[in-house]
């Protein structure tokens, strides 16, 4: 294998096109410089320099090898600094999982805050439901999750990012949209209901059941994504319990009804991460989360 000293010797000669000047630049004599070039060419099995008593010129192979040599030395020079930056958490990769609903609420502002504070940390995103995020955090394929509770506090650390109201999405013009009072359970039980999946959207399913005992005879659709649910409401298919941030979807033909104090701030979104994580960049992100408003 060739050495870094051989690369430095070659680059000096290639740039000076003169062994004497290259030797002076490297603060060495010409004979050991010539031997380094000869050893390099012998190792590579190609001629890098055409030389005679009066001139030195790069061969085609030499020109190509000069470009690669410069890149190798630049990488070697960067490596210590890169290692220090990664160890300090100022560089590296943080892999973030997020739920679909968080994608139109806190995700964008959170990524902006991280990128502004840690511009050399690369952020990789993956949309996953909470259960999938927990599994990925546990096996190390994710660093940070934006997920719904509950989660095991012995395995995961967390930070509350958002607490918002659960509201009722109804078709625009629906009587509930203009009613002066908070809708009663009896009134809601007369309406066709678009319901969250009890398996794929268990968190929202449990919140909805807390607000209204579900009469499955009134359930017209079962879906797992908030955006789909609101689109079905806009199409007049029924009413649905959704987080306040669903308004940000901007879907026309939908009104949002307050469900009263029992539904205020009950929809939570947390940043969660493995207590065993040793990613220095994640540690920097976690410290940044402490400065963000909940």
Foldseek 3Di string as FASTA:
>chain_A
DQDLVLLLLLLLCAVVQDQCRSCVVVVHDRPVSVVSPVVVCVVVVHDQWDDDPPTIHGDPVVVVVSVVSVVVVVCVVCVVVVVVCQLQLLAEEAEEEEEPLCVLPVPVVLVVLLCVVRVRYHYHYDYDAQVVVVVCQQVVVHFKYWYFDDDDVVWKDKDWDAFFFWWKKAFPPPPLLPDPDQDDLVRQQVWQEEAEDCVLAVVQNVVVCVLHPDDVVSHDHYYHDPVVRNVCRQVVNIMYTDTPSSVSVVDPRIGIGHNDDVRGRPTIIMMMHTPPDPRSNSVVSVVSSVVDDD
